[in-house]
Each structure stands twice: as C-alpha cells, then as structure tokens.
Amino acid sequence: MRASQNTQAKDFHSDILDGISEPLIVIDKNFTIDYVNQTASADTQINALGKTCYKVFHERETPCEPCPCMDVFNQGKPFRKIKTFDQNGQVTSKELCAYPIFGQNGEISHAIEIVRDILQTPKKETDISNRTEGFQLKKNGFLPDQIEGTSFCGMIGRSKKMRALFQMIRLVAPSSATVLIYGESGTGKERVAQAIHQMSSRRQHPFVAIDCGALPEALLESELFGHVKGAFTGAISHKKGLFEEAEGGTLFLDEISDTSLVFQSKLLRVLQEGEARPVGGNRSIKVNVRMIAATNRSLKEGIAKKTFREDLYYRLAVMPIMIPPLRGRLDDIPLLVEYFIQRYTQKNGKGLMHLSKEASEVLLRMPWKGNVRELENVIERGVLVSQKQEIALESLLIEEEVTSLGYAPSTSLFSATQEVMSKVERERIIESLQECKGNKSKAARLLGISRASFYNKLKRYEIPVSL
C-alpha cells in the first residue's frame, strides 16, 4: 500500500475512513488485516490488526469462498457479493464490496473491504396504506426495495433523525467528554451509550452500566464507590466499586435524575477530581473512567425544583444527545417490525411470517409510549400467538390501543388470551400422556388435577385416548 509521506495526510485519511458507518478493513494478499476502522473495531471488540480476516470475522482457518477480496487479488478489479450469515439464531444478509489498492510497482498490494447490512424495507411513500405493504415478507425473506446501511452498532434506523443520531455518536465517541443522553423509556439509551463506548479508544476496557433509580441511595453509593470492611453491618470484606471495575472504560449511569442531592455532590467530586472514596474509607482512589449519564426527564426542571444540582448538570452535559421517540420516526417502524419478526420466528422455530395490512396500519398510528421496547414486545406476542403465516391484528394483543384508534378487532383480548392458554394446556396434556406412556391416572397426578377433570380436558381438546 502506497504510504503517505505526510503524517497529517495519514491522520486525515484515517479520520475519513473512521467516519464511515459501515465496517471497513484493509488486508494484504495473505488476508492479514492492516487497518480497521472504528465501526469494524466496535463490531469485533478485539484487536484485529495483524490477524487474518477470516479468523477474526468468521472463525475460520482458511479463506472464505466466495470472497470478494480473493476475486480482487485474482482479477484486479472491484467485486461485490451478497452473503447470508446465521449468528445466534438470527439470519442476516450483508453486502461485501472489495476494491483494489495498487502499490508503487503498479501491482495490487492490498484490498479494501466494506460490509453493509441489507435490511428489507418498504418503498418510501407518504401514504400510510402504501407503506404498510412493505411489511409483507417475500418467500425468500426479502422485500422488493432493500435499503443498505440501516444498522449502526446494533441500532436500526434510516429516518433523518436516526441518521443524525448516528452521526452525533461518531463525533462524540473519540473524545473523553462526559455525555448526557436524553430519551424516553424504551428508546435505547443504554444501547447508545454502548455504541459510544464501542467506537471510542476505551473499547478494549469494560463497559459497566447501573440503573440509579433501581437502588436505594446507600446501596447505590456502595455499588459505585465500593466499601471497606466494617463500613456498615454486613460489610465483612473490602468490595470494589463500579468506578474501579470500569477502570479505563466507560461507566453508564442510567436515570441519573432519580439520585439524591447528597449522592450528586459525591458524584460531582469524582468528575472534578478524578477520585472516588469507598464507603467507610479514609483515602480516595484515583479512577480513570468515561462517564455517560442518561435520563428520561428534564434535568433543567429538576434544577428549577431544587432536586438536581446545577453544577453537576453542566459537568454531565458537556455533550448532550437526544434520542427521538419512536412516534417521531415512523419511517423506522417497518424496519424494526421486520427485524423483530425475523428475530422471534427464528428464536421460536417458526417459518416466514408477515403482518396483515390492518395490523400494519395500526402500528403506524399507535402512540408508542414504551417506544422500541414496546414495539418489540408487541411483535414477539404476535409471533407467539399467531398460528398462521399472516399475523392478524388480534394476535398482537393490543386491544386498548386498537380501540382508541377506532379499530374493532374480530377477536377480543380476552378471547385471544384464552386461545393461547388453551393451546398451551392441550400441549402440556399430550406431553404428560407421552411421559406416562399413556397412563391417564399417572398423567393426571403429574399435572396435579383429578382424574375426572383430566378426562374432561381430553374430551374438550379432542385428544385421542390412545396416546
């Protein structure tokens, strides 16, 4: 690879490559990795330099086939391939693009490979009824219009607001500045914090998260700062705090607005002095962590109400980041729906499924108070409940929201729930009969019901007595 004589030019080129949101690597003819951009480093979370790409990314002992880089070295021109991977039960498709790099002798010395996620998305229409057609999965699992580059550090989105969020993460990550993340419940505040960590120089060190609102003040202080032996009843030995556990890495403090003023003053000292004092201790410990805090409430309102320290706010909000609510990025709902359907059909061993048009229209009109987390729960329910390839509106079990939107599903929430419970009960009875080799008395005892009740259920569910 032609080396630049200008160090500033090198840094400039590296900054450009690091700004690319897709994973990018540079390899030589032996498939040894010479360069990895920040996105690729975040994906692997290991030091890939000097190692072979097929070992790092695919856990193989030999080069992958087909491989676009291999084609580049053999034929001297760019190549593009689509590959499907099955990781943790989830099938994902990626576009691999490889380009040659020529050395001073005019021969190919290296290849650049860029990996892009391929997600299935609908056509970009302004009319909701047209957009919902994009929820339908084809037989091969893809939709007609595939939009590339919609995944970023585990987050999915192609809306303008999400692209702006991804860009902000890229800008913030390389620094050591404290970050304050604003976002409603379920928007993915911890995932944003993880993305900042993964794209920073601290990615080789721990990422530690704690929910400040889930613990009482005394326990929260002990968890973060640690304690010495005898500091309080039950402190039988010295305990490291999370500041020490996260040394060199990132500490994520979720729901920072739920902390007390006393605790906030101790946290402020850590930010000002870089020191943490264990509970009951008389000496402070130097700590080197990047702090990222998050809240679902306005801290400025807390300052006005005297429930949050103003000086701590300005220490935390060096780099504020706003996560848009799901109702503010409707273009991302089809992407997320498709991702969750694929995820939970794979997880539960079901075939291809898709939403009905009516269900798709409802999802695009819902308020989504629980944001992405709520949408994920709705889709998981739909996949589990539906017995058909098409997931009907009633299978989503969102009767309250549906009624408020003016829809009248054919099956009530109670009826749908009863249907699911009956199916589970029938399967459990069949399993008990098989386990007891057809002995109905033993099967009834195994289920903890009377023999008469057992026979009634056999009749109700039309279970063959010969099982």
Protein backbone atom coordinates (compact mmCIF):
# COMPACT_ATOMS: atom_id res chain seq x y z
CA MET A 1 0.00 0.00 0.00
CA ARG A 2 1.44 3.39 -1.04
CA ALA A 3 2.49 5.15 2.16
CA SER A 4 1.95 8.88 2.54
CA GLN A 5 4.96 11.00 3.42
CA ASN A 6 2.80 13.43 5.29
CA THR A 7 1.70 12.44 8.79
CA GLN A 8 -1.15 14.94 8.73
CA ALA A 9 -2.40 13.42 5.49
CA LYS A 10 -2.31 9.98 7.11
CA ASP A 11 -4.36 11.23 10.04
CA PHE A 12 -6.76 12.94 7.67
CA HIS A 13 -7.29 9.77 5.66
CA SER A 14 -7.79 7.75 8.84
CA ASP A 15 -10.39 10.24 10.05
CA ILE A 16 -12.27 9.85 6.78
CA LEU A 17 -12.26 6.04 6.98
CA ASP A 18 -13.23 6.12 10.65
CA GLY A 19 -16.18 8.34 9.75
CA ILE A 20 -17.67 5.63 7.53
CA SER A 21 -20.57 3.99 9.37
CA GLU A 22 -20.06 0.57 7.75
CA PRO A 23 -17.29 -1.81 8.90
CA LEU A 24 -14.16 -1.30 6.74
CA ILE A 25 -10.88 -3.23 6.73
CA VAL A 26 -7.71 -3.23 4.65
CA ILE A 27 -5.99 -6.59 4.07
CA ASP A 28 -2.89 -7.74 2.20
CA LYS A 29 -2.59 -10.70 -0.17
CA ASN A 30 -2.18 -13.05 2.79
CA PHE A 31 -5.55 -11.83 4.14
CA THR A 32 -3.76 -10.20 7.08
CA ILE A 33 -5.56 -7.13 8.44
CA ASP A 34 -3.52 -3.91 8.14
CA TYR A 35 -6.23 -1.42 9.03
CA VAL A 36 -9.60 -1.49 10.78
CA ASN A 37 -11.93 1.50 11.02
CA GLN A 38 -13.81 2.32 14.22
CA THR A 39 -17.05 0.65 13.17
CA ALA A 40 -15.32 -2.65 12.39
CA SER A 41 -13.40 -2.44 15.67
CA ALA A 42 -16.68 -1.92 17.54
CA ASP A 43 -18.18 -4.99 15.87
CA THR A 44 -15.26 -7.32 16.71
CA GLN A 45 -14.37 -5.74 20.10
CA ILE A 46 -10.88 -7.25 19.77
CA ASN A 47 -7.58 -6.05 18.33
CA ALA A 48 -7.80 -7.38 14.77
CA LEU A 49 -4.59 -5.87 13.40
CA GLY A 50 -2.07 -8.45 12.22
CA LYS A 51 -4.64 -11.25 12.22
CA THR A 52 -6.33 -12.90 9.28
CA CYS A 53 -9.78 -11.56 8.38
CA TYR A 54 -11.34 -15.00 8.04
CA LYS A 55 -10.20 -15.93 11.54
CA VAL A 56 -11.35 -12.68 13.18
CA PHE A 57 -14.69 -12.21 11.46
CA HIS A 58 -15.73 -15.77 10.57
CA GLU A 59 -13.74 -18.02 12.97
CA ARG A 60 -12.36 -19.97 10.03
CA GLU A 61 -8.93 -21.49 9.48
CA THR A 62 -8.97 -20.91 5.70
CA PRO A 63 -10.10 -18.02 3.47
CA CYS A 64 -13.84 -17.77 2.82
CA GLU A 65 -15.29 -18.75 -0.50
CA PRO A 66 -16.73 -16.92 -2.30
CA CYS A 67 -14.66 -13.93 -1.15
CA PRO A 68 -14.70 -10.59 -3.00
CA CYS A 69 -11.16 -9.78 -1.82
CA MET A 70 -9.90 -13.03 -3.31
CA ASP A 71 -11.52 -12.02 -6.61
CA VAL A 72 -9.89 -8.58 -6.37
CA PHE A 73 -6.43 -10.10 -5.95
CA ASN A 74 -7.03 -12.57 -8.78
CA GLN A 75 -8.63 -10.22 -11.32
CA GLY A 76 -7.58 -6.73 -10.28
CA LYS A 77 -10.99 -5.06 -10.26
CA PRO A 78 -13.71 -4.28 -7.69
CA PHE A 79 -16.14 -7.03 -6.70
CA ARG A 80 -19.46 -7.11 -4.85
CA LYS A 81 -21.13 -10.14 -3.24
CA ILE A 82 -24.19 -10.81 -1.08
CA LYS A 83 -23.69 -13.27 1.77
CA THR A 84 -26.07 -14.62 4.40
CA PHE A 85 -24.89 -15.30 7.94
CA ASP A 86 -26.61 -17.15 10.80
CA GLN A 87 -25.46 -15.73 14.12
CA ASN A 88 -27.13 -16.68 17.39
CA GLY A 89 -30.15 -17.97 15.55
CA GLN A 90 -30.61 -14.76 13.56
CA VAL A 91 -30.23 -14.71 9.80
CA THR A 92 -28.72 -11.52 8.41
CA SER A 93 -27.68 -10.67 4.87
CA LYS A 94 -24.70 -8.46 4.10
CA GLU A 95 -23.23 -6.86 1.03
CA LEU A 96 -19.44 -7.24 0.79
CA CYS A 97 -17.68 -4.76 -1.51
CA ALA A 98 -13.95 -5.07 -2.20
CA TYR A 99 -11.67 -2.62 -4.04
CA PRO A 100 -8.01 -2.98 -5.10
CA ILE A 101 -5.14 -0.84 -3.78
CA PHE A 102 -2.12 -0.58 -6.07
CA GLY A 103 1.45 -0.33 -4.82
CA GLN A 104 4.29 1.73 -6.26
CA ASN A 105 5.14 -1.04 -8.75
CA GLY A 106 1.63 -0.89 -10.18
CA GLU A 107 0.64 -4.28 -8.77
CA ILE A 108 -2.18 -4.90 -6.32
CA SER A 109 -0.80 -4.96 -2.79
CA HIS A 110 -3.94 -4.66 -0.65
CA ALA A 111 -7.71 -4.72 -0.81
CA ILE A 112 -10.32 -2.60 0.96
CA GLU A 113 -13.45 -4.46 2.07
CA ILE A 114 -16.63 -2.69 3.20
CA VAL A 115 -19.51 -4.61 4.79
CA ARG A 116 -23.05 -3.28 4.62
CA ASP A 117 -26.15 -4.69 6.29
CA ILE A 118 -29.03 -5.36 3.93
CA LEU A 119 -32.41 -4.88 5.54
CA GLN A 120 -35.79 -5.28 3.92
CA THR A 121 -37.75 -2.07 3.77
CA PRO A 122 -40.86 -0.79 2.06
CA LYS A 123 -40.99 1.81 -0.68
CA LYS A 124 -40.73 5.32 0.60
CA GLU A 125 -44.31 6.54 0.30
CA THR A 126 -46.14 9.32 2.06
CA ASP A 127 -49.39 7.39 2.20
CA ILE A 128 -49.55 5.01 5.17
CA SER A 129 -51.67 2.45 3.36
CA ASN A 130 -48.93 2.15 0.72
CA ARG A 131 -46.14 1.97 3.28
CA THR A 132 -47.74 -0.90 5.14
CA GLU A 133 -47.46 -3.13 2.08
CA GLY A 134 -43.76 -3.17 2.80
CA PHE A 135 -44.36 -5.21 5.95
CA GLN A 136 -45.12 -8.25 3.78
CA LEU A 137 -42.20 -10.71 3.56
CA LYS A 138 -41.48 -12.46 0.28
CA LYS A 139 -40.79 -16.20 0.15
CA ASN A 140 -37.04 -15.62 0.18
CA GLY A 141 -37.28 -13.42 3.26
CA PHE A 142 -36.59 -10.12 1.47
CA LEU A 143 -38.69 -7.18 0.45
CA PRO A 144 -38.58 -5.62 -3.02
CA ASP A 145 -36.69 -2.47 -2.05
CA GLN A 146 -33.61 -3.22 0.05
CA ILE A 147 -32.13 -0.21 1.81
CA GLU A 148 -28.48 -0.59 2.77
CA GLY A 149 -26.67 0.91 5.74
CA THR A 150 -29.65 0.94 8.12
CA SER A 151 -27.85 -0.76 11.01
CA PHE A 152 -25.38 1.09 13.21
CA CYS A 153 -23.75 -0.53 16.24
CA GLY A 154 -26.80 -2.72 16.79
CA MET A 155 -29.31 0.11 16.28
CA ILE A 156 -31.72 0.11 13.35
CA GLY A 157 -32.99 3.17 11.56
CA ARG A 158 -32.94 5.07 8.28
CA SER A 159 -35.00 8.12 9.24
CA LYS A 160 -33.40 11.55 9.18
CA LYS A 161 -33.46 11.74 12.98
CA MET A 162 -31.71 8.40 13.42
CA ARG A 163 -29.06 9.23 10.81
CA ALA A 164 -28.39 12.44 12.74
CA LEU A 165 -28.11 10.41 15.96
CA PHE A 166 -25.61 8.01 14.37
CA GLN A 167 -23.54 10.95 13.15
CA MET A 168 -23.56 12.51 16.61
CA ILE A 169 -22.31 9.23 18.11
CA ARG A 170 -19.47 9.16 15.60
CA LEU A 171 -18.49 12.72 16.53
CA VAL A 172 -18.74 12.23 20.28
CA ALA A 173 -17.13 8.78 20.62
CA PRO A 174 -13.44 9.64 20.01
CA SER A 175 -13.35 12.23 22.81
CA SER A 176 -13.29 11.63 26.56
CA ALA A 177 -16.02 14.18 27.27
CA THR A 178 -18.90 13.23 29.55
CA VAL A 179 -22.16 12.62 27.71
CA LEU A 180 -25.74 13.18 28.83
CA ILE A 181 -28.33 11.14 26.92
CA TYR A 182 -31.96 12.24 26.89
CA GLY A 183 -34.61 9.77 25.85
CA GLU A 184 -37.99 8.39 26.83
CA SER A 185 -38.26 4.94 28.38
CA GLY A 186 -37.62 2.25 25.79
CA THR A 187 -35.79 4.40 23.25
CA GLY A 188 -32.46 2.62 23.76
CA LYS A 189 -30.38 4.93 25.93
CA GLU A 190 -28.06 2.15 27.09
CA ARG A 191 -27.58 0.96 23.50
CA VAL A 192 -26.48 4.48 22.51
CA ALA A 193 -24.05 4.52 25.44
CA GLN A 194 -22.66 1.15 24.33
CA ALA A 195 -22.22 2.46 20.79
CA ILE A 196 -20.23 5.45 22.08
CA HIS A 197 -18.05 3.09 24.10
CA GLN A 198 -17.53 0.67 21.20
CA MET A 199 -16.43 3.46 18.87
CA SER A 200 -14.08 5.05 21.40
CA SER A 201 -10.46 4.30 22.26
CA ARG A 202 -11.76 2.76 25.52
CA ARG A 203 -13.49 -0.14 23.75
CA GLN A 204 -10.87 -2.65 24.92
CA HIS A 205 -11.81 -1.85 28.52
CA PRO A 206 -15.05 -2.58 30.44
CA PHE A 207 -18.44 -1.03 29.79
CA VAL A 208 -20.31 -1.01 33.11
CA ALA A 209 -23.95 0.06 33.48
CA ILE A 210 -26.09 0.73 36.54
CA ASP A 211 -29.69 1.89 36.94
CA CYS A 212 -29.54 4.64 39.56
CA GLY A 213 -33.28 4.60 40.07
CA ALA A 214 -33.41 0.90 40.95
CA LEU A 215 -31.33 1.10 44.14
CA PRO A 216 -31.70 2.95 47.46
CA GLU A 217 -29.12 5.67 48.00
CA ALA A 218 -26.94 3.76 50.49
CA LEU A 219 -26.71 0.70 48.27
CA LEU A 220 -26.12 2.80 45.15
CA GLU A 221 -23.22 4.57 46.81
CA SER A 222 -21.70 1.26 47.91
CA GLU A 223 -22.14 -0.20 44.40
CA LEU A 224 -20.43 2.74 42.72
CA PHE A 225 -17.72 3.69 45.21
CA GLY A 226 -17.20 0.34 46.92
CA HIS A 227 -16.79 -0.05 50.67
CA VAL A 228 -14.18 -1.07 53.22
CA LYS A 229 -14.52 -3.86 55.75
CA GLY A 230 -16.71 -2.83 58.68
CA ALA A 231 -18.16 0.23 56.90
CA PHE A 232 -21.65 -0.95 57.83
CA THR A 233 -23.44 -4.03 59.10
CA GLY A 234 -22.76 -6.85 56.70
CA ALA A 235 -19.60 -5.31 55.21
CA ILE A 236 -17.41 -8.31 56.06
CA SER A 237 -14.72 -7.55 53.48
CA HIS A 238 -13.46 -4.86 51.14
CA LYS A 239 -15.57 -4.51 47.99
CA LYS A 240 -14.55 -2.81 44.77
CA GLY A 241 -16.98 -0.26 43.40
CA LEU A 242 -18.07 0.07 39.79
CA PHE A 243 -15.73 3.01 39.30
CA GLU A 244 -12.85 0.62 39.91
CA GLU A 245 -14.49 -2.16 37.89
CA ALA A 246 -14.78 0.17 34.90
CA GLU A 247 -11.17 1.38 35.11
CA GLY A 248 -10.03 2.57 31.70
CA GLY A 249 -13.51 2.04 30.24
CA THR A 250 -16.95 3.60 30.42
CA LEU A 251 -19.43 3.87 33.28
CA PHE A 252 -23.07 4.34 32.27
CA LEU A 253 -25.39 5.87 34.89
CA ASP A 254 -29.00 5.38 33.81
CA GLU A 255 -31.82 7.51 35.26
CA ILE A 256 -29.40 9.93 36.89
CA SER A 257 -32.35 12.24 37.71
CA ASP A 258 -33.53 9.76 40.37
CA THR A 259 -30.49 10.34 42.60
CA SER A 260 -30.46 12.50 45.75
CA LEU A 261 -28.63 15.80 46.15
CA VAL A 262 -26.21 14.21 48.63
CA PHE A 263 -25.28 11.50 46.16
CA GLN A 264 -24.98 14.08 43.37
CA SER A 265 -22.39 16.04 45.36
CA LYS A 266 -20.25 12.90 45.72
CA LEU A 267 -20.58 12.18 42.02
CA LEU A 268 -19.55 15.74 41.22
CA ARG A 269 -16.33 15.25 43.16
CA VAL A 270 -15.45 12.24 41.04
CA LEU A 271 -15.92 14.30 37.89
CA GLN A 272 -13.91 17.23 39.24
CA GLU A 273 -11.06 15.41 40.97
CA GLY A 274 -10.99 12.02 39.24
CA GLU A 275 -11.16 10.35 42.66
CA ALA A 276 -13.66 8.05 44.38
CA ARG A 277 -13.74 7.36 48.12
CA PRO A 278 -15.10 3.97 49.24
CA VAL A 279 -17.85 3.99 51.84
CA GLY A 280 -16.22 3.96 55.28
CA GLY A 281 -12.77 4.63 53.83
CA ASN A 282 -10.41 7.48 54.70
CA ARG A 283 -8.50 7.56 51.41
CA SER A 284 -9.65 8.30 47.90
CA ILE A 285 -8.82 6.13 44.90
CA LYS A 286 -7.81 7.57 41.54
CA VAL A 287 -10.22 6.48 38.81
CA ASN A 288 -9.98 6.71 35.04
CA VAL A 289 -13.42 6.23 33.53
CA ARG A 290 -15.54 7.98 30.98
CA MET A 291 -18.92 8.80 32.44
CA ILE A 292 -22.13 8.66 30.39
CA ALA A 293 -25.39 9.53 32.11
CA ALA A 294 -28.96 9.19 30.90
CA THR A 295 -32.37 10.44 31.94
CA ASN A 296 -35.97 10.35 30.74
CA ARG A 297 -36.80 13.62 32.50
CA SER A 298 -35.69 17.20 32.05
CA LEU A 299 -32.75 17.94 34.37
CA LYS A 300 -33.32 21.67 33.94
CA GLU A 301 -36.75 21.21 35.51
CA GLY A 302 -35.01 19.33 38.33
CA ILE A 303 -32.65 22.29 38.78
CA ALA A 304 -35.62 24.66 38.97
CA LYS A 305 -37.28 22.42 41.57
CA LYS A 306 -34.03 22.12 43.56
CA THR A 307 -33.90 18.33 43.06
CA PHE A 308 -30.83 18.34 40.81
CA ARG A 309 -27.55 20.17 41.21
CA GLU A 310 -26.88 22.76 38.53
CA ASP A 311 -23.08 22.33 38.72
CA LEU A 312 -23.41 18.56 38.19
CA TYR A 313 -25.72 19.16 35.24
CA TYR A 314 -23.11 21.25 33.44
CA ARG A 315 -20.43 18.68 34.23
CA LEU A 316 -22.54 15.89 32.73
CA ALA A 317 -23.99 17.76 29.77
CA VAL A 318 -20.71 18.52 28.02
CA MET A 319 -22.07 16.55 25.06
CA PRO A 320 -25.89 16.23 25.21
CA ILE A 321 -27.55 13.66 22.93
CA MET A 322 -31.28 13.44 22.25
CA ILE A 323 -32.81 10.10 21.21
CA PRO A 324 -36.00 10.60 19.20
CA PRO A 325 -39.14 8.76 20.36
CA LEU A 326 -40.50 6.06 18.06
CA ARG A 327 -43.61 8.10 17.20
CA GLY A 328 -41.22 10.76 15.84
CA ARG A 329 -39.56 8.38 13.35
CA LEU A 330 -42.37 6.39 11.77
CA ASP A 331 -40.20 5.53 8.75
CA ASP A 332 -38.21 3.21 11.02
CA ILE A 333 -41.20 1.15 12.19
CA PRO A 334 -41.28 -1.15 9.10
CA LEU A 335 -37.54 -1.83 9.53
CA LEU A 336 -37.94 -2.63 13.21
CA VAL A 337 -41.03 -4.76 12.64
CA GLU A 338 -39.26 -6.84 10.03
CA TYR A 339 -36.19 -7.23 12.23
CA PHE A 340 -38.24 -8.36 15.24
CA ILE A 341 -40.36 -10.74 13.15
CA GLN A 342 -37.23 -12.39 11.76
CA ARG A 343 -35.67 -12.49 15.22
CA TYR A 344 -38.59 -14.15 17.00
CA THR A 345 -39.59 -16.51 14.19
CA GLN A 346 -36.01 -17.79 14.22
CA LYS A 347 -35.94 -17.97 18.01
CA ASN A 348 -39.21 -19.91 18.19
CA GLY A 349 -38.60 -22.15 15.20
CA LYS A 350 -41.38 -20.67 13.07
CA GLY A 351 -41.41 -20.13 9.33
CA LEU A 352 -41.71 -16.86 7.44
CA MET A 353 -44.39 -14.57 8.81
CA HIS A 354 -45.72 -11.10 8.00
CA LEU A 355 -48.19 -8.59 9.38
CA SER A 356 -51.65 -8.14 7.95
CA LYS A 357 -52.41 -4.80 6.32
CA GLU A 358 -54.76 -3.89 9.18
CA ALA A 359 -52.09 -4.65 11.82
CA SER A 360 -49.50 -2.64 9.87
CA GLU A 361 -51.77 0.40 9.73
CA VAL A 362 -52.40 0.23 13.47
CA LEU A 363 -48.68 0.05 14.31
CA LEU A 364 -48.02 3.19 12.28
CA ARG A 365 -50.74 5.09 14.18
CA MET A 366 -50.03 3.99 17.72
CA PRO A 367 -48.55 6.50 20.23
CA TRP A 368 -45.77 4.09 21.36
CA LYS A 369 -45.39 5.35 24.91
CA GLY A 370 -42.95 2.50 25.53
CA ASN A 371 -41.11 3.17 22.26
CA VAL A 372 -38.92 0.46 20.67
CA ARG A 373 -39.17 -1.81 23.71
CA GLU A 374 -42.98 -1.72 23.48
CA LEU A 375 -42.89 -2.43 19.73
CA GLU A 376 -40.58 -5.40 20.29
CA ASN A 377 -42.95 -6.84 22.92
CA VAL A 378 -45.94 -6.42 20.59
CA ILE A 379 -44.20 -8.20 17.70
CA GLU A 380 -42.95 -11.01 19.93
CA ARG A 381 -46.50 -11.59 21.16
CA GLY A 382 -47.78 -11.58 17.61
CA VAL A 383 -45.26 -14.20 16.51
CA LEU A 384 -46.01 -16.43 19.51
CA VAL A 385 -49.81 -16.16 19.31
CA SER A 386 -50.35 -16.34 15.54
CA GLN A 387 -50.91 -19.82 14.13
CA LYS A 388 -50.80 -18.59 10.55
CA GLN A 389 -48.20 -17.05 8.28
CA GLU A 390 -50.04 -13.73 8.39
CA ILE A 391 -50.04 -12.07 11.82
CA ALA A 392 -53.52 -10.64 12.30
CA LEU A 393 -54.28 -7.54 14.35
CA GLU A 394 -55.91 -9.51 17.17
CA SER A 395 -52.76 -11.64 17.57
CA LEU A 396 -50.83 -8.55 18.71
CA LEU A 397 -52.98 -8.34 21.88
CA ILE A 398 -53.16 -4.53 21.87
CA GLU A 399 -56.90 -4.11 22.39
CA GLU A 400 -56.71 -0.88 24.43
CA GLU A 401 -54.64 0.94 21.82
CA VAL A 402 -56.67 -0.52 18.95
CA THR A 403 -59.95 0.67 20.47
CA SER A 404 -58.59 4.19 20.96
CA LEU A 405 -57.61 4.27 17.28
CA GLY A 406 -61.11 3.35 16.16
CA TYR A 407 -60.46 -0.29 15.23
CA ALA A 408 -62.66 -3.19 16.29
CA PRO A 409 -60.66 -6.40 16.11
CA SER A 410 -62.69 -9.54 15.44
CA THR A 411 -61.25 -11.28 18.48
CA SER A 412 -61.15 -9.61 21.90
CA LEU A 413 -58.05 -9.55 24.05
CA PHE A 414 -59.67 -11.97 26.49
CA SER A 415 -60.61 -14.42 23.74
CA ALA A 416 -57.17 -14.29 22.17
CA THR A 417 -55.53 -14.88 25.54
CA GLN A 418 -57.85 -17.80 26.27
CA GLU A 419 -56.99 -19.30 22.89
CA VAL A 420 -53.29 -19.19 23.68
CA MET A 421 -53.80 -20.67 27.16
CA SER A 422 -55.92 -23.50 25.74
CA LYS A 423 -53.27 -24.34 23.18
CA VAL A 424 -50.56 -24.46 25.86
CA GLU A 425 -52.76 -26.60 28.14
CA ARG A 426 -53.53 -29.06 25.33
CA GLU A 427 -49.83 -29.45 24.51
CA ARG A 428 -49.00 -30.00 28.20
CA ILE A 429 -51.64 -32.75 28.49
CA ILE A 430 -50.25 -34.52 25.43
CA GLU A 431 -46.72 -34.26 26.85
CA SER A 432 -47.85 -35.72 30.19
CA LEU A 433 -49.53 -38.67 28.43
CA GLN A 434 -46.42 -39.37 26.44
CA GLU A 435 -44.24 -39.06 29.53
CA CYS A 436 -46.50 -41.51 31.43
CA LYS A 437 -46.70 -43.85 28.43
CA GLY A 438 -50.48 -43.41 28.08
CA ASN A 439 -51.33 -44.00 31.77
CA LYS A 440 -54.07 -41.44 32.37
CA SER A 441 -54.08 -41.72 36.17
CA LYS A 442 -50.34 -41.04 36.33
CA ALA A 443 -50.69 -38.18 33.84
CA ALA A 444 -53.46 -36.59 35.93
CA ARG A 445 -51.29 -36.82 39.08
CA LEU A 446 -48.35 -35.35 37.17
CA LEU A 447 -50.48 -32.35 36.22
CA GLY A 448 -51.93 -32.03 39.72
CA ILE A 449 -55.57 -32.43 38.67
CA SER A 450 -58.26 -35.04 39.36
CA ARG A 451 -58.81 -37.99 37.03
CA ALA A 452 -62.32 -36.74 36.18
CA SER A 453 -61.00 -33.28 35.27
CA PHE A 454 -58.28 -34.92 33.19
CA TYR A 455 -60.90 -36.90 31.18
CA ASN A 456 -62.97 -33.76 30.67
CA LYS A 457 -59.97 -31.99 29.21
CA LEU A 458 -59.22 -34.94 26.92
CA LYS A 459 -62.75 -34.63 25.57
CA ARG A 460 -62.69 -30.82 25.32
CA TYR A 461 -59.41 -30.71 23.42
CA GLU A 462 -60.25 -33.81 21.33
CA ILE A 463 -57.07 -35.60 22.39
CA PRO A 464 -57.01 -39.26 21.24
CA VAL A 465 -57.16 -41.61 24.25
CA SER A 466 -54.71 -43.89 22.50
CA LEU A 467 -51.80 -41.54 23.19
